[in-house]
């Protein structure tokens, strides 16, 4: 009789743990993303600090950095087109 009571308590405990693990989220510290503007800024300062590669941008450096990124993307596209035609980059 005593073993039967222990088995019942064990079954209740296991089913409670399974029910709680299914209903509770896996990680409550994670928050869902709701900002999709993909701006390259941090929230260190109000308005955000611009990021240039692997460092914080100095005054006037951000526009130059964006222009370099744009030029590199255009050069890669031209090279890809040339390679598709069998030419050298």
PDB file of N, CA and C in Angstrom:
ATOM      1  N   UNK A   1       0.824  -1.200   0.000  1.00  0.00           N
ATOM      2  CA  UNK A   1       0.000   0.000   0.000  1.00  0.00           C
ATOM      3  C   UNK A   1       0.867   1.264   0.000  1.00  0.00           C
ATOM      4  N   UNK A   2       1.943   1.217   0.780  1.00  0.00           N
ATOM      5  CA  UNK A   2       2.824   2.375   0.871  1.00  0.00           C
ATOM      6  C   UNK A   2       3.525   2.606  -0.471  1.00  0.00           C
ATOM      7  N   UNK A   3       3.983   1.528  -1.109  1.00  0.00           N
ATOM      8  CA  UNK A   3       4.654   1.662  -2.394  1.00  0.00           C
ATOM      9  C   UNK A   3       3.710   2.221  -3.451  1.00  0.00           C
ATOM     10  N   UNK A   4       2.448   1.858  -3.389  1.00  0.00           N
ATOM     11  CA  UNK A   4       1.460   2.355  -4.338  1.00  0.00           C
ATOM     12  C   UNK A   4       1.274   3.862  -4.169  1.00  0.00           C
ATOM     13  N   UNK A   5       1.274   4.347  -2.923  1.00  0.00           N
ATOM     14  CA  UNK A   5       1.143   5.789  -2.679  1.00  0.00           C
ATOM     15  C   UNK A   5       2.366   6.534  -3.228  1.00  0.00           C
ATOM     16  N   UNK A   6       3.541   5.957  -3.011  1.00  0.00           N
ATOM     17  CA  UNK A   6       4.760   6.595  -3.520  1.00  0.00           C
ATOM     18  C   UNK A   6       4.761   6.621  -5.042  1.00  0.00           C
ATOM     19  N   UNK A   7       4.283   5.571  -5.672  1.00  0.00           N
ATOM     20  CA  UNK A   7       4.212   5.530  -7.130  1.00  0.00           C
ATOM     21  C   UNK A   7       3.237   6.595  -7.650  1.00  0.00           C
ATOM     22  N   UNK A   8       2.130   6.782  -6.927  1.00  0.00           N
ATOM     23  CA  UNK A   8       1.152   7.798  -7.312  1.00  0.00           C
ATOM     24  C   UNK A   8       1.741   9.193  -7.195  1.00  0.00           C
ATOM     25  N   UNK A   9       2.458   9.455  -6.092  1.00  0.00           N
ATOM     26  CA  UNK A   9       3.101  10.756  -5.922  1.00  0.00           C
ATOM     27  C   UNK A   9       4.180  10.982  -6.974  1.00  0.00           C
ATOM     28  N   UNK A  10       4.927   9.952  -7.283  1.00  0.00           N
ATOM     29  CA  UNK A  10       5.960  10.052  -8.311  1.00  0.00           C
ATOM     30  C   UNK A  10       5.331  10.354  -9.670  1.00  0.00           C
ATOM     31  N   UNK A  11       4.233   9.688  -9.985  1.00  0.00           N
ATOM     32  CA  UNK A  11       3.543   9.923 -11.255  1.00  0.00           C
ATOM     33  C   UNK A  11       3.009  11.350 -11.330  1.00  0.00           C
ATOM     34  N   UNK A  12       2.471  11.846 -10.235  1.00  0.00           N
ATOM     35  CA  UNK A  12       1.952  13.226 -10.203  1.00  0.00           C
ATOM     36  C   UNK A  12       3.103  14.216 -10.366  1.00  0.00           C
ATOM     37  N   UNK A  13       4.212  13.956  -9.692  1.00  0.00           N
ATOM     38  CA  UNK A  13       5.364  14.860  -9.790  1.00  0.00           C
ATOM     39  C   UNK A  13       5.911  14.895 -11.210  1.00  0.00           C
ATOM     40  N   UNK A  14       6.065  13.759 -11.837  1.00  0.00           N
ATOM     41  CA  UNK A  14       6.593  13.705 -13.202  1.00  0.00           C
ATOM     42  C   UNK A  14       5.642  14.377 -14.177  1.00  0.00           C
ATOM     43  N   UNK A  15       4.357  14.116 -14.045  1.00  0.00           N
ATOM     44  CA  UNK A  15       3.400  14.738 -14.965  1.00  0.00           C
ATOM     45  C   UNK A  15       3.342  16.255 -14.751  1.00  0.00           C
ATOM     46  N   UNK A  16       3.512  16.708 -13.519  1.00  0.00           N
ATOM     47  CA  UNK A  16       3.540  18.155 -13.260  1.00  0.00           C
ATOM     48  C   UNK A  16       4.764  18.794 -13.901  1.00  0.00           C
ATOM     49  N   UNK A  17       5.910  18.136 -13.784  1.00  0.00           N
ATOM     50  CA  UNK A  17       7.136  18.672 -14.383  1.00  0.00           C
ATOM     51  C   UNK A  17       7.010  18.727 -15.902  1.00  0.00           C
ATOM     52  N   UNK A  18       6.462  17.687 -16.492  1.00  0.00           N
ATOM     53  CA  UNK A  18       6.287  17.668 -17.942  1.00  0.00           C
ATOM     54  C   UNK A  18       5.320  18.765 -18.371  1.00  0.00           C
ATOM     55  N   UNK A  19       4.219  18.938 -17.657  1.00  0.00           N
ATOM     56  CA  UNK A  19       3.237  19.966 -18.010  1.00  0.00           C
ATOM     57  C   UNK A  19       3.842  21.354 -17.891  1.00  0.00           C
ATOM     58  N   UNK A  20       4.615  21.604 -16.847  1.00  0.00           N
ATOM     59  CA  UNK A  20       5.242  22.915 -16.679  1.00  0.00           C
ATOM     60  C   UNK A  20       6.308  23.160 -17.738  1.00  0.00           C
ATOM     61  N   UNK A  21       7.066  22.153 -18.092  1.00  0.00           N
ATOM     62  CA  UNK A  21       8.115  22.347 -19.098  1.00  0.00           C
ATOM     63  C   UNK A  21       7.525  22.617 -20.472  1.00  0.00           C
ATOM     64  N   UNK A  22       6.338  22.115 -20.735  1.00  0.00           N
ATOM     65  CA  UNK A  22       5.688  22.367 -22.019  1.00  0.00           C
ATOM     66  C   UNK A  22       5.076  23.762 -22.054  1.00  0.00           C
ATOM     67  N   UNK A  23       4.481  24.198 -20.954  1.00  0.00           N
ATOM     68  CA  UNK A  23       3.771  25.477 -20.960  1.00  0.00           C
ATOM     69  C   UNK A  23       4.680  26.679 -20.751  1.00  0.00           C
ATOM     70  N   UNK A  24       5.793  26.523 -20.034  1.00  0.00           N
ATOM     71  CA  UNK A  24       6.690  27.652 -19.799  1.00  0.00           C
ATOM     72  C   UNK A  24       7.626  27.830 -20.985  1.00  0.00           C
ATOM     73  N   UNK A  25       7.975  29.067 -21.310  1.00  0.00           N
ATOM     74  CA  UNK A  25       8.914  29.284 -22.418  1.00  0.00           C
ATOM     75  C   UNK A  25      10.301  28.747 -22.064  1.00  0.00           C
ATOM     76  N   UNK A  26      11.080  28.431 -23.085  1.00  0.00           N
ATOM     77  CA  UNK A  26      12.398  27.844 -22.871  1.00  0.00           C
ATOM     78  C   UNK A  26      13.336  28.824 -22.178  1.00  0.00           C
ATOM     79  N   UNK A  27      13.300  30.099 -22.536  1.00  0.00           N
ATOM     80  CA  UNK A  27      14.155  31.107 -21.919  1.00  0.00           C
ATOM     81  C   UNK A  27      13.345  32.387 -21.775  1.00  0.00           C
ATOM     82  N   UNK A  28      13.030  32.762 -20.576  1.00  0.00           N
ATOM     83  CA  UNK A  28      12.204  33.941 -20.363  1.00  0.00           C
ATOM     84  C   UNK A  28      13.004  35.225 -20.488  1.00  0.00           C
ATOM     85  N   UNK A  29      14.347  35.164 -20.515  1.00  0.00           N
ATOM     86  CA  UNK A  29      15.161  36.364 -20.624  1.00  0.00           C
ATOM     87  C   UNK A  29      15.219  36.893 -22.053  1.00  0.00           C
ATOM     88  N   UNK A  30      14.877  36.056 -23.027  1.00  0.00           N
ATOM     89  CA  UNK A  30      14.925  36.494 -24.415  1.00  0.00           C
ATOM     90  C   UNK A  30      13.674  37.285 -24.761  1.00  0.00           C
ATOM     91  N   UNK A  31      13.861  38.341 -25.526  1.00  0.00           N
ATOM     92  CA  UNK A  31      12.723  39.141 -25.962  1.00  0.00           C
ATOM     93  C   UNK A  31      12.633  39.080 -27.476  1.00  0.00           C
ATOM     94  N   UNK A  32      11.432  39.141 -27.982  1.00  0.00           N
ATOM     95  CA  UNK A  32      11.216  39.077 -29.417  1.00  0.00           C
ATOM     96  C   UNK A  32      11.623  40.393 -30.059  1.00  0.00           C
ATOM     97  N   UNK A  33      12.255  40.316 -31.213  1.00  0.00           N
ATOM     98  CA  UNK A  33      12.704  41.506 -31.927  1.00  0.00           C
ATOM     99  C   UNK A  33      11.501  42.242 -32.497  1.00  0.00           C
ATOM    100  N   UNK A  34      11.450  43.553 -32.275  1.00  0.00           N
ATOM    101  CA  UNK A  34      10.358  44.344 -32.822  1.00  0.00           C
ATOM    102  C   UNK A  34      10.863  45.553 -33.604  1.00  0.00           C
ATOM    103  N   UNK A  35      12.181  45.693 -33.742  1.00  0.00           N
ATOM    104  CA  UNK A  35      12.763  46.802 -34.480  1.00  0.00           C
ATOM    105  C   UNK A  35      13.512  46.233 -35.679  1.00  0.00           C
ATOM    106  N   UNK A  36      13.003  46.475 -36.875  1.00  0.00           N
ATOM    107  CA  UNK A  36      13.575  45.889 -38.070  1.00  0.00           C
ATOM    108  C   UNK A  36      14.179  46.932 -39.008  1.00  0.00           C
ATOM    109  N   UNK A  37      14.584  48.100 -38.501  1.00  0.00           N
ATOM    110  CA  UNK A  37      15.139  49.115 -39.390  1.00  0.00           C
ATOM    111  C   UNK A  37      16.610  48.858 -39.721  1.00  0.00           C
ATOM    112  N   UNK A  38      17.259  47.930 -39.016  1.00  0.00           N
ATOM    113  CA  UNK A  38      18.639  47.521 -39.286  1.00  0.00           C
ATOM    114  C   UNK A  38      19.608  48.695 -39.365  1.00  0.00           C
ATOM    115  N   UNK A  39      19.423  49.673 -38.521  1.00  0.00           N
ATOM    116  CA  UNK A  39      20.368  50.782 -38.487  1.00  0.00           C
ATOM    117  C   UNK A  39      21.635  50.332 -37.773  1.00  0.00           C
ATOM    118  N   UNK A  40      22.775  50.829 -38.234  1.00  0.00           N
ATOM    119  CA  UNK A  40      24.056  50.433 -37.677  1.00  0.00           C
ATOM    120  C   UNK A  40      24.448  51.399 -36.569  1.00  0.00           C
ATOM    121  N   UNK A  41      23.660  51.418 -35.533  1.00  0.00           N
ATOM    122  CA  UNK A  41      23.944  52.291 -34.401  1.00  0.00           C
ATOM    123  C   UNK A  41      23.818  51.499 -33.118  1.00  0.00           C
ATOM    124  N   UNK A  42      24.408  52.039 -32.079  1.00  0.00           N
ATOM    125  CA  UNK A  42      24.271  51.432 -30.757  1.00  0.00           C
ATOM    126  C   UNK A  42      23.373  52.315 -29.913  1.00  0.00           C
ATOM    127  N   UNK A  43      23.028  51.827 -28.769  1.00  0.00           N
ATOM    128  CA  UNK A  43      22.177  52.610 -27.875  1.00  0.00           C
ATOM    129  C   UNK A  43      22.975  53.128 -26.688  1.00  0.00           C
ATOM    130  N   UNK A  44      24.286  53.314 -26.884  1.00  0.00           N
ATOM    131  CA  UNK A  44      25.108  53.853 -25.802  1.00  0.00           C
ATOM    132  C   UNK A  44      24.642  55.267 -25.462  1.00  0.00           C
ATOM    133  N   UNK A  45      24.412  56.068 -26.487  1.00  0.00           N
ATOM    134  CA  UNK A  45      23.992  57.448 -26.298  1.00  0.00           C
ATOM    135  C   UNK A  45      22.638  57.654 -26.956  1.00  0.00           C
ATOM    136  N   UNK A  46      21.913  58.655 -26.497  1.00  0.00           N
ATOM    137  CA  UNK A  46      20.622  58.974 -27.086  1.00  0.00           C
ATOM    138  C   UNK A  46      20.821  59.303 -28.560  1.00  0.00           C
ATOM    139  N   UNK A  47      20.131  58.628 -29.428  1.00  0.00           N
ATOM    140  CA  UNK A  47      20.301  58.810 -30.855  1.00  0.00           C
ATOM    141  C   UNK A  47      21.241  57.791 -31.456  1.00  0.00           C
ATOM    142  N   UNK A  48      22.024  57.149 -30.639  1.00  0.00           N
ATOM    143  CA  UNK A  48      22.917  56.092 -31.101  1.00  0.00           C
ATOM    144  C   UNK A  48      24.235  56.607 -31.631  1.00  0.00           C
ATOM    145  N   UNK A  49      25.256  55.846 -31.384  1.00  0.00           N
ATOM    146  CA  UNK A  49      26.594  56.148 -31.898  1.00  0.00           C
ATOM    147  C   UNK A  49      26.811  55.334 -33.162  1.00  0.00           C
ATOM    148  N   UNK A  50      27.294  55.944 -34.202  1.00  0.00           N
ATOM    149  CA  UNK A  50      27.519  55.255 -35.466  1.00  0.00           C
ATOM    150  C   UNK A  50      28.697  54.287 -35.331  1.00  0.00           C
ATOM    151  N   UNK A  51      28.597  53.156 -36.037  1.00  0.00           N
ATOM    152  CA  UNK A  51      29.634  52.138 -36.031  1.00  0.00           C
ATOM    153  C   UNK A  51      30.290  52.099 -37.403  1.00  0.00           C
ATOM    154  N   UNK A  52      31.614  52.151 -37.444  1.00  0.00           N
ATOM    155  CA  UNK A  52      32.388  52.069 -38.684  1.00  0.00           C
ATOM    156  C   UNK A  52      33.260  50.825 -38.610  1.00  0.00           C
ATOM    157  N   UNK A  53      32.764  49.727 -39.152  1.00  0.00           N
ATOM    158  CA  UNK A  53      33.526  48.480 -39.128  1.00  0.00           C
ATOM    159  C   UNK A  53      33.611  47.912 -37.727  1.00  0.00           C
ATOM    160  N   UNK A  54      34.807  47.970 -37.142  1.00  0.00           N
ATOM    161  CA  UNK A  54      35.019  47.389 -35.815  1.00  0.00           C
ATOM    162  C   UNK A  54      35.265  48.443 -34.741  1.00  0.00           C
ATOM    163  N   UNK A  55      34.918  49.691 -35.009  1.00  0.00           N
ATOM    164  CA  UNK A  55      35.128  50.756 -34.023  1.00  0.00           C
ATOM    165  C   UNK A  55      34.025  51.807 -34.142  1.00  0.00           C
ATOM    166  N   UNK A  56      33.949  52.664 -33.141  1.00  0.00           N
ATOM    167  CA  UNK A  56      32.995  53.772 -33.182  1.00  0.00           C
ATOM    168  C   UNK A  56      33.511  54.824 -34.150  1.00  0.00           C
ATOM    169  N   UNK A  57      32.628  55.364 -34.947  1.00  0.00           N
ATOM    170  CA  UNK A  57      33.026  56.345 -35.956  1.00  0.00           C
ATOM    171  C   UNK A  57      33.469  57.652 -35.309  1.00  0.00           C
ATOM    172  N   UNK A  58      34.477  58.236 -35.942  1.00  0.00           N
ATOM    173  CA  UNK A  58      34.874  59.586 -35.560  1.00  0.00           C
ATOM    174  C   UNK A  58      34.006  60.558 -36.346  1.00  0.00           C
ATOM    175  N   UNK A  59      34.122  61.832 -36.029  1.00  0.00           N
ATOM    176  CA  UNK A  59      33.307  62.850 -36.689  1.00  0.00           C
ATOM    177  C   UNK A  59      33.571  62.840 -38.196  1.00  0.00           C
ATOM    178  N   UNK A  60      32.530  62.655 -39.003  1.00  0.00           N
ATOM    179  CA  UNK A  60      32.628  62.675 -40.450  1.00  0.00           C
ATOM    180  C   UNK A  60      33.064  61.358 -41.074  1.00  0.00           C
ATOM    181  N   UNK A  61      33.430  60.373 -40.282  1.00  0.00           N
ATOM    182  CA  UNK A  61      33.931  59.106 -40.818  1.00  0.00           C
ATOM    183  C   UNK A  61      32.805  58.208 -41.333  1.00  0.00           C
ATOM    184  N   UNK A  62      31.620  58.347 -40.781  1.00  0.00           N
ATOM    185  CA  UNK A  62      30.516  57.439 -41.128  1.00  0.00           C
ATOM    186  C   UNK A  62      30.130  57.537 -42.602  1.00  0.00           C
ATOM    187  N   UNK A  63      30.048  58.757 -43.137  1.00  0.00           N
ATOM    188  CA  UNK A  63      29.683  58.923 -44.553  1.00  0.00           C
ATOM    189  C   UNK A  63      30.732  58.304 -45.464  1.00  0.00           C
ATOM    190  N   UNK A  64      32.008  58.464 -45.114  1.00  0.00           N
ATOM    191  CA  UNK A  64      33.087  57.856 -45.893  1.00  0.00           C
ATOM    192  C   UNK A  64      32.985  56.339 -45.838  1.00  0.00           C
ATOM    193  N   UNK A  65      32.680  55.821 -44.667  1.00  0.00           N
ATOM    194  CA  UNK A  65      32.548  54.368 -44.487  1.00  0.00           C
ATOM    195  C   UNK A  65      31.402  53.825 -45.349  1.00  0.00           C
ATOM    196  N   UNK A  66      30.273  54.503 -45.357  1.00  0.00           N
ATOM    197  CA  UNK A  66      29.145  54.073 -46.184  1.00  0.00           C
ATOM    198  C   UNK A  66      29.495  54.106 -47.666  1.00  0.00           C
ATOM    199  N   UNK A  67      30.243  55.135 -48.091  1.00  0.00           N
ATOM    200  CA  UNK A  67      30.650  55.236 -49.495  1.00  0.00           C
ATOM    201  C   UNK A  67      31.595  54.093 -49.865  1.00  0.00           C
ATOM    202  N   UNK A  68      32.510  53.725 -48.965  1.00  0.00           N
ATOM    203  CA  UNK A  68      33.424  52.616 -49.230  1.00  0.00           C
ATOM    204  C   UNK A  68      32.670  51.296 -49.341  1.00  0.00           C
ATOM    205  N   UNK A  69      31.678  51.101 -48.490  1.00  0.00           N
ATOM    206  CA  UNK A  69      30.860  49.886 -48.560  1.00  0.00           C
ATOM    207  C   UNK A  69      30.118  49.828 -49.892  1.00  0.00           C
ATOM    208  N   UNK A  70      29.536  50.950 -50.296  1.00  0.00           N
ATOM    209  CA  UNK A  70      28.808  51.019 -51.558  1.00  0.00           C
ATOM    210  C   UNK A  70      29.730  50.721 -52.738  1.00  0.00           C
ATOM    211  N   UNK A  71      30.926  51.302 -52.733  1.00  0.00           N
ATOM    212  CA  UNK A  71      31.885  51.070 -53.818  1.00  0.00           C
ATOM    213  C   UNK A  71      32.300  49.604 -53.877  1.00  0.00           C
ATOM    214  N   UNK A  72      32.521  48.992 -52.732  1.00  0.00           N
ATOM    215  CA  UNK A  72      32.922  47.583 -52.694  1.00  0.00           C
ATOM    216  C   UNK A  72      31.805  46.686 -53.230  1.00  0.00           C
ATOM    217  N   UNK A  73      30.562  47.014 -52.895  1.00  0.00           N
ATOM    218  CA  UNK A  73      29.441  46.221 -53.395  1.00  0.00           C
ATOM    219  C   UNK A  73      29.298  46.368 -54.906  1.00  0.00           C
ATOM    220  N   UNK A  74      29.501  47.572 -55.419  1.00  0.00           N
ATOM    221  CA  UNK A  74      29.412  47.781 -56.864  1.00  0.00           C
ATOM    222  C   UNK A  74      30.549  47.064 -57.587  1.00  0.00           C
ATOM    223  N   UNK A  75      31.761  47.105 -57.030  1.00  0.00           N
ATOM    224  CA  UNK A  75      32.896  46.431 -57.642  1.00  0.00           C
ATOM    225  C   UNK A  75      32.675  44.922 -57.657  1.00  0.00           C
ATOM    226  N   UNK A  76      32.104  44.380 -56.577  1.00  0.00           N
ATOM    227  CA  UNK A  76      31.834  42.939 -56.520  1.00  0.00           C
ATOM    228  C   UNK A  76      30.795  42.550 -57.567  1.00  0.00           C
ATOM    229  N   UNK A  77      29.798  43.390 -57.773  1.00  0.00           N
ATOM    230  CA  UNK A  77      28.773  43.098 -58.776  1.00  0.00           C
ATOM    231  C   UNK A  77      29.365  43.119 -60.180  1.00  0.00           C
ATOM    232  N   UNK A  78      30.249  44.088 -60.464  1.00  0.00           N
ATOM    233  CA  UNK A  78      30.892  44.162 -61.779  1.00  0.00           C
ATOM    234  C   UNK A  78      31.788  42.947 -62.001  1.00  0.00           C
ATOM    235  N   UNK A  79      32.511  42.534 -60.965  1.00  0.00           N
ATOM    236  CA  UNK A  79      33.394  41.376 -61.069  1.00  0.00           C
ATOM    237  C   UNK A  79      32.575  40.101 -61.300  1.00  0.00           C
ATOM    238  N   UNK A  80      31.472  39.968 -60.599  1.00  0.00           N
ATOM    239  CA  UNK A  80      30.607  38.795 -60.764  1.00  0.00           C
ATOM    240  C   UNK A  80      30.080  38.724 -62.191  1.00  0.00           C
ATOM    241  N   UNK A  81      29.689  39.875 -62.749  1.00  0.00           N
ATOM    242  CA  UNK A  81      29.201  39.903 -64.130  1.00  0.00           C
ATOM    243  C   UNK A  81      30.314  39.546 -65.116  1.00  0.00           C
ATOM    244  N   UNK A  82      31.524  40.051 -64.860  1.00  0.00           N
ATOM    245  CA  UNK A  82      32.644  39.753 -65.744  1.00  0.00           C
ATOM    246  C   UNK A  82      32.987  38.264 -65.684  1.00  0.00           C
ATOM    247  N   UNK A  83      32.991  37.686 -64.528  1.00  0.00           N
ATOM    248  CA  UNK A  83      33.279  36.270 -64.389  1.00  0.00           C
ATOM    249  C   UNK A  83      32.212  35.417 -65.078  1.00  0.00           C
ATOM    250  N   UNK A  84      30.985  35.858 -65.019  1.00  0.00           N
ATOM    251  CA  UNK A  84      29.897  35.122 -65.676  1.00  0.00           C
ATOM    252  C   UNK A  84      30.081  35.117 -67.197  1.00  0.00           C
ATOM    253  N   UNK A  85      30.724  36.167 -67.711  1.00  0.00           N
ATOM    254  CA  UNK A  85      30.984  36.262 -69.148  1.00  0.00           C
ATOM    255  C   UNK A  85      32.322  35.628 -69.530  1.00  0.00           C
ATOM    256  N   UNK A  86      33.045  35.075 -68.548  1.00  0.00           N
ATOM    257  CA  UNK A  86      34.319  34.430 -68.827  1.00  0.00           C
ATOM    258  C   UNK A  86      35.492  35.395 -68.875  1.00  0.00           C
ATOM    259  N   UNK A  87      35.322  36.604 -68.390  1.00  0.00           N
ATOM    260  CA  UNK A  87      36.394  37.607 -68.409  1.00  0.00           C
ATOM    261  C   UNK A  87      37.053  37.670 -67.028  1.00  0.00           C
ATOM    262  N   UNK A  88      38.214  38.336 -66.974  1.00  0.00           N
ATOM    263  CA  UNK A  88      38.894  38.549 -65.702  1.00  0.00           C
ATOM    264  C   UNK A  88      38.296  39.763 -65.005  1.00  0.00           C
ATOM    265  N   UNK A  89      38.425  39.787 -63.701  1.00  0.00           N
ATOM    266  CA  UNK A  89      37.948  40.944 -62.924  1.00  0.00           C
ATOM    267  C   UNK A  89      38.953  42.071 -62.980  1.00  0.00           C
TER     268      UNK A  89
END
